[in-house]
Amino acid sequence: MQAVVGLGIGLVAAPVITMAEPQLMPGVLIALALLLPCVTLLHDHEDIDWPGLNWSLPSRIVGTALGVWVVSHLSERELGISVGGMVLVAVLLTWKVVTVPITRTSLSVAGFIGGVTGTATSIGGPPYALLYQHRPPHQIRSTMAVYFLIGAAISLVGLTISGDLTLHQLHACAVLLPAVVLGVVAGIPLRRRLPAHVVRPAVLVISAASAVVLVVRSLAG
């Protein structure tokens, strides 16, 4: 789905992993988010918007600090509600395309929000993706890859310092990594055959359904 549609891996995986084993969140997906952009940057490493990154990444550090605090104080029930709610917000923003101008202020705000949500729920891409949605595809992929790479590294450092990144999460990341790489490799030829305007709504519906189940289960539990 990441290769075909371009949606973040966390949008689909976060609700499922949180339902199956909440102890893995958010570290396992953030660790995967650190490795996945490397695959993208092997092919798309030109047209990176470095000036935009220079404004968003510093505020991402501030947001990460708040995100680490959130992770340290969330129960499993609250984590489930937070992840599910964030997925629903991301689906809504992705479905209803909102145009936000790229300015120093919007870049800083997107970086801060991405730092908070990316660290707390592993879903930090939507605010930044909204800004770049009308840019050329190569610039979107390469800039977002750098943002995810550096942003995930910042989040992992913060979680390590707070003690919320565990060896169990890193082991799960190592187990899941081959599947992620296989999915990306399989998705590259598929995106030439499957039209994004058909696949994209299906992915959003599946993600939203998973998020609703997660929120309901968390509230009931």
C-alpha atoms as a PDB file:
ATOM      1  CA  MET A   1       0.000   0.000   0.000  1.00  0.00           C
ATOM      2  CA  GLN A   2       2.869   2.347   0.743  1.00  0.00           C
ATOM      3  CA  ALA A   3       4.381   1.774  -2.705  1.00  0.00           C
ATOM      4  CA  VAL A   4       1.120   1.834  -4.648  1.00  0.00           C
ATOM      5  CA  VAL A   5      -0.774   4.641  -2.930  1.00  0.00           C
ATOM      6  CA  GLY A   6       1.909   6.516  -1.011  1.00  0.00           C
ATOM      7  CA  LEU A   7       0.097   6.400   2.335  1.00  0.00           C
ATOM      8  CA  GLY A   8       2.146   5.987   5.485  1.00  0.00           C
ATOM      9  CA  ILE A   9       2.691   2.462   6.709  1.00  0.00           C
ATOM     10  CA  GLY A  10       1.497   3.503  10.152  1.00  0.00           C
ATOM     11  CA  LEU A  11      -1.967   4.360   8.841  1.00  0.00           C
ATOM     12  CA  VAL A  12      -2.656   0.681   8.134  1.00  0.00           C
ATOM     13  CA  ALA A  13      -0.342  -1.094  10.582  1.00  0.00           C
ATOM     14  CA  ALA A  14      -0.741   1.028  13.731  1.00  0.00           C
ATOM     15  CA  PRO A  15      -4.345   0.036  14.603  1.00  0.00           C
ATOM     16  CA  VAL A  16      -3.665  -3.662  13.946  1.00  0.00           C
ATOM     17  CA  ILE A  17      -0.453  -3.799  15.966  1.00  0.00           C
ATOM     18  CA  THR A  18      -2.035  -1.827  18.813  1.00  0.00           C
ATOM     19  CA  MET A  19      -4.912  -4.328  18.964  1.00  0.00           C
ATOM     20  CA  ALA A  20      -2.619  -7.369  18.690  1.00  0.00           C
ATOM     21  CA  GLU A  21       0.193  -6.300  21.029  1.00  0.00           C
ATOM     22  CA  PRO A  22       0.074  -2.729  22.369  1.00  0.00           C
ATOM     23  CA  GLN A  23       3.448  -3.208  24.083  1.00  0.00           C
ATOM     24  CA  LEU A  24       5.077  -2.886  20.654  1.00  0.00           C
ATOM     25  CA  MET A  25       3.762   0.630  20.123  1.00  0.00           C
ATOM     26  CA  PRO A  26       4.984   3.106  19.152  1.00  0.00           C
ATOM     27  CA  GLY A  27       8.604   1.940  19.009  1.00  0.00           C
ATOM     28  CA  VAL A  28       8.283  -0.849  16.426  1.00  0.00           C
ATOM     29  CA  LEU A  29       6.642   1.329  13.761  1.00  0.00           C
ATOM     30  CA  ILE A  30       8.948   4.270  14.422  1.00  0.00           C
ATOM     31  CA  ALA A  31      11.939   1.944  13.986  1.00  0.00           C
ATOM     32  CA  LEU A  32      10.465   0.693  10.704  1.00  0.00           C
ATOM     33  CA  ALA A  33       9.826   4.316   9.719  1.00  0.00           C
ATOM     34  CA  LEU A  34      13.547   4.905  10.176  1.00  0.00           C
ATOM     35  CA  LEU A  35      14.464   2.107   7.745  1.00  0.00           C
ATOM     36  CA  LEU A  36      11.722   2.380   5.129  1.00  0.00           C
ATOM     37  CA  PRO A  37      12.776   5.823   3.771  1.00  0.00           C
ATOM     38  CA  CYS A  38      16.212   4.384   2.986  1.00  0.00           C
ATOM     39  CA  VAL A  39      14.555   2.219   0.316  1.00  0.00           C
ATOM     40  CA  THR A  40      12.860   5.302  -1.149  1.00  0.00           C
ATOM     41  CA  LEU A  41      16.032   7.382  -1.136  1.00  0.00           C
ATOM     42  CA  LEU A  42      17.870   4.718  -3.141  1.00  0.00           C
ATOM     43  CA  HIS A  43      15.666   5.651  -6.105  1.00  0.00           C
ATOM     44  CA  ASP A  44      14.481   9.188  -5.306  1.00  0.00           C
ATOM     45  CA  HIS A  45      17.184  11.393  -3.818  1.00  0.00           C
ATOM     46  CA  GLU A  46      16.945  14.459  -6.004  1.00  0.00           C
ATOM     47  CA  ASP A  47      14.741  17.548  -5.679  1.00  0.00           C
ATOM     48  CA  ILE A  48      14.755  17.372  -1.873  1.00  0.00           C
ATOM     49  CA  ASP A  49      13.308  20.569  -0.391  1.00  0.00           C
ATOM     50  CA  TRP A  50      16.090  21.272   2.097  1.00  0.00           C
ATOM     51  CA  PRO A  51      14.885  24.830   2.936  1.00  0.00           C
ATOM     52  CA  GLY A  52      11.510  23.391   3.972  1.00  0.00           C
ATOM     53  CA  LEU A  53      13.166  20.696   6.063  1.00  0.00           C
ATOM     54  CA  ASN A  54      15.329  23.319   7.758  1.00  0.00           C
ATOM     55  CA  TRP A  55      12.156  24.913   9.154  1.00  0.00           C
ATOM     56  CA  SER A  56      10.218  21.755  10.027  1.00  0.00           C
ATOM     57  CA  LEU A  57      12.866  19.563  11.644  1.00  0.00           C
ATOM     58  CA  PRO A  58      13.806  21.908  14.546  1.00  0.00           C
ATOM     59  CA  SER A  59      10.146  22.157  15.579  1.00  0.00           C
ATOM     60  CA  ARG A  60       9.912  18.367  15.223  1.00  0.00           C
ATOM     61  CA  ILE A  61      12.467  18.089  18.054  1.00  0.00           C
ATOM     62  CA  VAL A  62      10.247  20.213  20.319  1.00  0.00           C
ATOM     63  CA  GLY A  63       7.200  18.149  19.374  1.00  0.00           C
ATOM     64  CA  THR A  64       9.109  14.939  20.032  1.00  0.00           C
ATOM     65  CA  ALA A  65       9.776  16.004  23.615  1.00  0.00           C
ATOM     66  CA  LEU A  66       6.038  16.422  24.174  1.00  0.00           C
ATOM     67  CA  GLY A  67       5.359  13.128  22.387  1.00  0.00           C
ATOM     68  CA  VAL A  68       7.778  11.280  24.675  1.00  0.00           C
ATOM     69  CA  TRP A  69       5.961  12.722  27.692  1.00  0.00           C
ATOM     70  CA  VAL A  70       2.640  11.525  26.253  1.00  0.00           C
ATOM     71  CA  VAL A  71       3.978   7.984  25.695  1.00  0.00           C
ATOM     72  CA  SER A  72       5.316   7.839  29.260  1.00  0.00           C
ATOM     73  CA  HIS A  73       1.914   8.734  30.703  1.00  0.00           C
ATOM     74  CA  LEU A  74      -0.457   6.732  28.471  1.00  0.00           C
ATOM     75  CA  SER A  75      -2.079   3.497  29.584  1.00  0.00           C
ATOM     76  CA  GLU A  76      -2.744   0.745  27.024  1.00  0.00           C
ATOM     77  CA  ARG A  77      -6.383   1.859  26.850  1.00  0.00           C
ATOM     78  CA  GLU A  78      -5.418   5.486  26.282  1.00  0.00           C
ATOM     79  CA  LEU A  79      -2.815   4.440  23.703  1.00  0.00           C
ATOM     80  CA  GLY A  80      -5.483   2.531  21.770  1.00  0.00           C
ATOM     81  CA  ILE A  81      -7.820   5.507  21.766  1.00  0.00           C
ATOM     82  CA  SER A  82      -4.989   7.858  20.743  1.00  0.00           C
ATOM     83  CA  VAL A  83      -3.774   5.662  17.880  1.00  0.00           C
ATOM     84  CA  GLY A  84      -7.292   4.999  16.610  1.00  0.00           C
ATOM     85  CA  GLY A  85      -8.239   8.664  16.835  1.00  0.00           C
ATOM     86  CA  MET A  86      -5.074   9.752  15.038  1.00  0.00           C
ATOM     87  CA  VAL A  87      -5.714   7.284  12.214  1.00  0.00           C
ATOM     88  CA  LEU A  88      -9.276   8.580  11.804  1.00  0.00           C
ATOM     89  CA  VAL A  89      -8.033  12.177  11.668  1.00  0.00           C
ATOM     90  CA  ALA A  90      -5.363  11.206   9.140  1.00  0.00           C
ATOM     91  CA  VAL A  91      -7.927   9.379   6.988  1.00  0.00           C
ATOM     92  CA  LEU A  92     -10.245  12.382   7.083  1.00  0.00           C
ATOM     93  CA  LEU A  93      -7.475  14.802   6.119  1.00  0.00           C
ATOM     94  CA  THR A  94      -6.260  12.481   3.376  1.00  0.00           C
ATOM     95  CA  TRP A  95      -9.739  11.849   1.981  1.00  0.00           C
ATOM     96  CA  LYS A  96     -10.802  15.493   1.961  1.00  0.00           C
ATOM     97  CA  VAL A  97      -7.831  17.197   0.388  1.00  0.00           C
ATOM     98  CA  VAL A  98      -7.096  20.399   2.255  1.00  0.00           C
ATOM     99  CA  THR A  99      -4.814  22.958   0.659  1.00  0.00           C
ATOM    100  CA  VAL A 100      -2.358  24.542   3.087  1.00  0.00           C
ATOM    101  CA  PRO A 101       0.271  26.988   1.773  1.00  0.00           C
ATOM    102  CA  ILE A 102       3.920  26.168   2.412  1.00  0.00           C
ATOM    103  CA  THR A 103       5.308  28.921   4.628  1.00  0.00           C
ATOM    104  CA  ARG A 104       7.828  29.047   7.421  1.00  0.00           C
ATOM    105  CA  THR A 105       4.990  29.042   9.929  1.00  0.00           C
ATOM    106  CA  SER A 106       3.102  26.107   8.375  1.00  0.00           C
ATOM    107  CA  LEU A 107       6.326  24.110   8.075  1.00  0.00           C
ATOM    108  CA  SER A 108       7.162  24.718  11.732  1.00  0.00           C
ATOM    109  CA  VAL A 109       3.628  23.846  12.875  1.00  0.00           C
ATOM    110  CA  ALA A 110       3.592  20.674  10.755  1.00  0.00           C
ATOM    111  CA  GLY A 111       6.965  19.652  12.159  1.00  0.00           C
ATOM    112  CA  PHE A 112       5.801  20.208  15.743  1.00  0.00           C
ATOM    113  CA  ILE A 113       2.523  18.293  15.297  1.00  0.00           C
ATOM    114  CA  GLY A 114       4.366  15.534  13.457  1.00  0.00           C
ATOM    115  CA  GLY A 115       6.835  15.303  16.333  1.00  0.00           C
ATOM    116  CA  VAL A 116       4.052  14.896  18.901  1.00  0.00           C
ATOM    117  CA  THR A 117       1.864  12.442  16.964  1.00  0.00           C
ATOM    118  CA  GLY A 118       4.770  10.639  15.316  1.00  0.00           C
ATOM    119  CA  THR A 119       6.395   9.896  18.658  1.00  0.00           C
ATOM    120  CA  ALA A 120       3.215   9.164  20.604  1.00  0.00           C
ATOM    121  CA  THR A 121       1.330   7.128  17.970  1.00  0.00           C
ATOM    122  CA  SER A 122       3.920   6.508  15.167  1.00  0.00           C
ATOM    123  CA  ILE A 123       1.720   8.507  12.739  1.00  0.00           C
ATOM    124  CA  GLY A 124       3.449  11.808  12.053  1.00  0.00           C
ATOM    125  CA  GLY A 125       3.286  12.101   8.266  1.00  0.00           C
ATOM    126  CA  PRO A 126      -0.186  13.576   7.508  1.00  0.00           C
ATOM    127  CA  PRO A 127       0.504  17.187   8.640  1.00  0.00           C
ATOM    128  CA  TYR A 128       3.659  17.347   6.503  1.00  0.00           C
ATOM    129  CA  ALA A 129       2.104  15.477   3.583  1.00  0.00           C
ATOM    130  CA  LEU A 130      -0.723  18.030   3.424  1.00  0.00           C
ATOM    131  CA  LEU A 131       1.773  20.792   2.711  1.00  0.00           C
ATOM    132  CA  TYR A 132       3.542  18.968  -0.116  1.00  0.00           C
ATOM    133  CA  GLN A 133       0.573  17.266  -1.784  1.00  0.00           C
ATOM    134  CA  HIS A 134       0.663  19.590  -4.812  1.00  0.00           C
ATOM    135  CA  ARG A 135       4.430  19.465  -5.325  1.00  0.00           C
ATOM    136  CA  PRO A 136       6.020  17.265  -8.044  1.00  0.00           C
ATOM    137  CA  PRO A 137       5.904  13.540  -7.134  1.00  0.00           C
ATOM    138  CA  HIS A 138       9.695  13.139  -7.044  1.00  0.00           C
ATOM    139  CA  GLN A 139      10.037  16.056  -4.625  1.00  0.00           C
ATOM    140  CA  ILE A 140       7.227  14.723  -2.431  1.00  0.00           C
ATOM    141  CA  ARG A 141       8.772  11.250  -2.168  1.00  0.00           C
ATOM    142  CA  SER A 142      12.331  12.430  -1.588  1.00  0.00           C
ATOM    143  CA  THR A 143      11.464  15.234   0.857  1.00  0.00           C
ATOM    144  CA  MET A 144       9.052  13.064   2.837  1.00  0.00           C
ATOM    145  CA  ALA A 145      11.656  10.279   2.956  1.00  0.00           C
ATOM    146  CA  VAL A 146      14.236  12.605   4.513  1.00  0.00           C
ATOM    147  CA  TYR A 147      11.613  13.979   6.917  1.00  0.00           C
ATOM    148  CA  PHE A 148      10.629  10.475   8.043  1.00  0.00           C
ATOM    149  CA  LEU A 149      14.241   9.330   8.281  1.00  0.00           C
ATOM    150  CA  ILE A 150      15.454  12.194  10.457  1.00  0.00           C
ATOM    151  CA  GLY A 151      12.144  12.528  12.326  1.00  0.00           C
ATOM    152  CA  ALA A 152      12.071   8.845  13.245  1.00  0.00           C
ATOM    153  CA  ALA A 153      15.680   9.022  14.432  1.00  0.00           C
ATOM    154  CA  ILE A 154      14.806  11.973  16.686  1.00  0.00           C
ATOM    155  CA  SER A 155      11.781  10.128  18.076  1.00  0.00           C
ATOM    156  CA  LEU A 156      13.802   6.965  18.743  1.00  0.00           C
ATOM    157  CA  VAL A 157      16.437   8.962  20.613  1.00  0.00           C
ATOM    158  CA  GLY A 158      13.727  10.558  22.743  1.00  0.00           C
ATOM    159  CA  LEU A 159      12.055   7.214  23.504  1.00  0.00           C
ATOM    160  CA  THR A 160      15.440   5.673  24.328  1.00  0.00           C
ATOM    161  CA  ILE A 161      16.258   8.443  26.797  1.00  0.00           C
ATOM    162  CA  SER A 162      12.863   8.067  28.477  1.00  0.00           C
ATOM    163  CA  GLY A 163      13.180   4.268  28.610  1.00  0.00           C
ATOM    164  CA  ASP A 164      10.080   3.690  26.450  1.00  0.00           C
ATOM    165  CA  LEU A 165      11.985   1.969  23.622  1.00  0.00           C
ATOM    166  CA  THR A 166      12.414  -1.695  24.524  1.00  0.00           C
ATOM    167  CA  LEU A 167      14.471  -4.557  23.135  1.00  0.00           C
ATOM    168  CA  HIS A 168      11.208  -6.395  22.508  1.00  0.00           C
ATOM    169  CA  GLN A 169      10.126  -3.603  20.150  1.00  0.00           C
ATOM    170  CA  LEU A 170      13.458  -3.660  18.304  1.00  0.00           C
ATOM    171  CA  HIS A 171      13.303  -7.440  17.958  1.00  0.00           C
ATOM    172  CA  ALA A 172       9.793  -7.177  16.512  1.00  0.00           C
ATOM    173  CA  CYS A 173      11.075  -4.546  14.078  1.00  0.00           C
ATOM    174  CA  ALA A 174      13.771  -6.944  12.869  1.00  0.00           C
ATOM    175  CA  VAL A 175      11.146  -9.676  12.407  1.00  0.00           C
ATOM    176  CA  LEU A 176       8.772  -7.389  10.477  1.00  0.00           C
ATOM    177  CA  LEU A 177      11.397  -5.666   8.333  1.00  0.00           C
ATOM    178  CA  PRO A 178      11.651  -8.392   5.637  1.00  0.00           C
ATOM    179  CA  ALA A 179       7.872  -8.288   5.197  1.00  0.00           C
ATOM    180  CA  VAL A 180       7.952  -4.499   4.827  1.00  0.00           C
ATOM    181  CA  VAL A 181      10.729  -4.644   2.225  1.00  0.00           C
ATOM    182  CA  LEU A 182       8.894  -7.438   0.377  1.00  0.00           C
ATOM    183  CA  GLY A 183       5.749  -5.338   0.369  1.00  0.00           C
ATOM    184  CA  VAL A 184       7.564  -2.341  -1.091  1.00  0.00           C
ATOM    185  CA  VAL A 185       9.213  -4.487  -3.778  1.00  0.00           C
ATOM    186  CA  ALA A 186       5.850  -6.063  -4.665  1.00  0.00           C
ATOM    187  CA  GLY A 187       4.162  -2.674  -4.710  1.00  0.00           C
ATOM    188  CA  ILE A 188       6.494  -1.043  -7.241  1.00  0.00           C
ATOM    189  CA  PRO A 189       5.252  -3.052 -10.263  1.00  0.00           C
ATOM    190  CA  LEU A 190       1.680  -3.032  -8.919  1.00  0.00           C
ATOM    191  CA  ARG A 191       1.462   0.766  -8.972  1.00  0.00           C
ATOM    192  CA  ARG A 192       1.852   0.623 -12.761  1.00  0.00           C
ATOM    193  CA  ARG A 193      -1.175  -1.688 -13.032  1.00  0.00           C
ATOM    194  CA  LEU A 194      -3.463  -0.621 -10.200  1.00  0.00           C
ATOM    195  CA  PRO A 195      -4.814   2.933 -10.572  1.00  0.00           C
ATOM    196  CA  ALA A 196      -4.267   4.943  -7.402  1.00  0.00           C
ATOM    197  CA  HIS A 197      -7.759   6.483  -7.615  1.00  0.00           C
ATOM    198  CA  VAL A 198      -9.222   2.985  -7.179  1.00  0.00           C
ATOM    199  CA  VAL A 199      -6.839   1.610  -4.541  1.00  0.00           C
ATOM    200  CA  ARG A 200      -6.639   4.764  -2.423  1.00  0.00           C
ATOM    201  CA  PRO A 201     -10.293   4.814  -1.238  1.00  0.00           C
ATOM    202  CA  ALA A 202     -10.121   1.101  -0.386  1.00  0.00           C
ATOM    203  CA  VAL A 203      -7.014   1.655   1.731  1.00  0.00           C
ATOM    204  CA  LEU A 204      -8.636   4.565   3.555  1.00  0.00           C
ATOM    205  CA  VAL A 205     -11.794   2.554   4.262  1.00  0.00           C
ATOM    206  CA  ILE A 206      -9.760  -0.364   5.638  1.00  0.00           C
ATOM    207  CA  SER A 207      -7.664   1.975   7.779  1.00  0.00           C
ATOM    208  CA  ALA A 208     -10.734   3.781   9.117  1.00  0.00           C
ATOM    209  CA  ALA A 209     -12.483   0.496   9.895  1.00  0.00           C
ATOM    210  CA  SER A 210      -9.456  -0.775  11.812  1.00  0.00           C
ATOM    211  CA  ALA A 211      -9.234   2.492  13.731  1.00  0.00           C
ATOM    212  CA  VAL A 212     -12.937   2.389  14.671  1.00  0.00           C
ATOM    213  CA  VAL A 213     -12.603  -1.184  15.958  1.00  0.00           C
ATOM    214  CA  LEU A 214      -9.530  -0.187  17.969  1.00  0.00           C
ATOM    215  CA  VAL A 215     -11.230   2.861  19.518  1.00  0.00           C
ATOM    216  CA  VAL A 216     -14.403   0.915  20.364  1.00  0.00           C
ATOM    217  CA  ARG A 217     -12.432  -1.957  21.867  1.00  0.00           C
ATOM    218  CA  SER A 218     -10.280   0.456  23.895  1.00  0.00           C
ATOM    219  CA  LEU A 219     -13.325   2.338  25.199  1.00  0.00           C
ATOM    220  CA  ALA A 220     -15.088  -0.922  26.071  1.00  0.00           C
ATOM    221  CA  GLY A 221     -11.986  -2.271  27.807  1.00  0.00           C
END
